[in-house]
Amino acid sequence: MITNIITTNLRIPEVDITLVRTIAASRGISVNEYIKQAIKLTTTKDQLGILDQAPAESVYDFLLKFANRKKVKSKKMELSDEDNIIYED
């Protein structure tokens, strides 16, 4: 089957292309091949109706949210009854 190939530009955040390059290199494939695989997977899921409706946020945005999250105070843990017997002061 003959497929027409086009060349296009893609505008994405630098942090995302860095991640794509890293993952592609770790798999031993080109960035182009990685992006083609991602498009194929996403369009297949979309056609099957199993694609998440919310767009994925960039890694940078996720890390910003993670860094700025409210810290949860941890609850002090107590010894069990058995541990109290073992470790009595």
Protein backbone atom coordinates (compact mmCIF):
# COMPACT_ATOMS: atom_id res chain seq x y z
CA MET A 1 0.00 0.00 0.00
CA ILE A 2 1.37 3.41 -0.96
CA THR A 3 1.02 6.08 1.73
CA ASN A 4 1.44 9.78 1.12
CA ILE A 5 3.83 11.24 3.70
CA ILE A 6 3.58 14.90 4.69
CA THR A 7 5.93 17.12 6.64
CA THR A 8 4.43 19.36 9.30
CA ASN A 9 5.47 21.58 12.21
CA LEU A 10 4.62 20.80 15.80
CA ARG A 11 4.54 23.38 18.58
CA ILE A 12 4.92 21.89 22.06
CA PRO A 13 6.58 23.00 25.29
CA GLU A 14 10.32 22.40 25.46
CA VAL A 15 9.94 20.22 28.55
CA ASP A 16 7.58 17.91 26.64
CA ILE A 17 9.88 17.49 23.62
CA THR A 18 12.76 16.78 25.98
CA LEU A 19 10.71 14.02 27.59
CA VAL A 20 9.69 12.64 24.18
CA ARG A 21 13.33 12.61 23.04
CA THR A 22 14.39 10.83 26.22
CA ILE A 23 11.71 8.15 26.00
CA ALA A 24 12.28 7.60 22.27
CA ALA A 25 16.02 7.22 22.82
CA SER A 26 15.46 4.76 25.68
CA ARG A 27 13.30 2.66 23.33
CA GLY A 28 15.88 2.88 20.55
CA ILE A 29 13.52 4.64 18.13
CA SER A 30 13.42 8.07 16.53
CA VAL A 31 11.32 10.93 17.84
CA ASN A 32 9.33 10.73 14.61
CA GLU A 33 8.58 7.03 15.17
CA TYR A 34 7.63 7.65 18.81
CA ILE A 35 5.21 10.43 17.84
CA LYS A 36 3.69 8.24 15.08
CA GLN A 37 3.16 5.44 17.62
CA ALA A 38 1.58 7.86 20.11
CA ILE A 39 -0.77 9.22 17.43
CA LYS A 40 -1.73 5.70 16.32
CA LEU A 41 -2.43 4.62 19.92
CA THR A 42 -4.42 7.74 20.72
CA THR A 43 -6.52 7.67 17.56
CA THR A 44 -7.25 3.96 18.02
CA LYS A 45 -8.41 4.55 21.60
CA ASP A 46 -10.51 7.49 20.44
CA GLN A 47 -12.15 5.40 17.70
CA LEU A 48 -12.92 2.68 20.26
CA GLY A 49 -14.35 5.23 22.68
CA ILE A 50 -11.86 4.47 25.44
CA LEU A 51 -9.84 7.68 25.28
CA ASP A 52 -9.85 9.90 28.35
CA GLN A 53 -11.80 13.04 27.57
CA ALA A 54 -9.54 15.39 29.54
CA PRO A 55 -6.43 16.50 27.67
CA ALA A 56 -3.19 15.44 29.30
CA GLU A 57 -1.35 18.23 31.06
CA SER A 58 2.30 18.85 30.40
CA VAL A 59 4.87 17.39 32.74
CA TYR A 60 5.89 20.94 33.65
CA ASP A 61 2.33 21.88 34.71
CA PHE A 62 2.00 18.67 36.74
CA LEU A 63 5.29 19.34 38.56
CA LEU A 64 4.23 22.92 39.33
CA LYS A 65 0.96 21.70 40.83
CA PHE A 66 2.78 18.98 42.76
CA ALA A 67 5.34 21.43 44.15
CA ASN A 68 2.64 23.89 45.22
CA ARG A 69 0.26 21.39 46.79
CA LYS A 70 -0.82 21.85 50.37
CA LYS A 71 1.11 19.70 52.76
CA VAL A 72 -0.96 17.23 54.72
CA LYS A 73 -0.14 16.97 58.39
CA SER A 74 0.67 13.40 59.20
CA LYS A 75 -1.02 11.76 62.13
CA LYS A 76 1.32 10.54 64.82
CA MET A 77 1.23 6.78 64.92
CA GLU A 78 0.94 4.95 68.21
CA LEU A 79 2.26 1.57 69.24
CA SER A 80 -0.05 -1.42 69.15
CA ASP A 81 -0.96 -3.16 72.42
CA GLU A 82 1.57 -5.89 71.66
CA ASP A 83 4.31 -3.35 70.94
CA ASN A 84 3.51 -1.50 74.19
CA ILE A 85 4.13 -4.74 76.10
CA ILE A 86 7.43 -5.36 74.26
CA TYR A 87 8.74 -1.79 74.43
CA GLU A 88 7.44 -0.70 77.86
CA ASP A 89 9.56 2.05 79.40
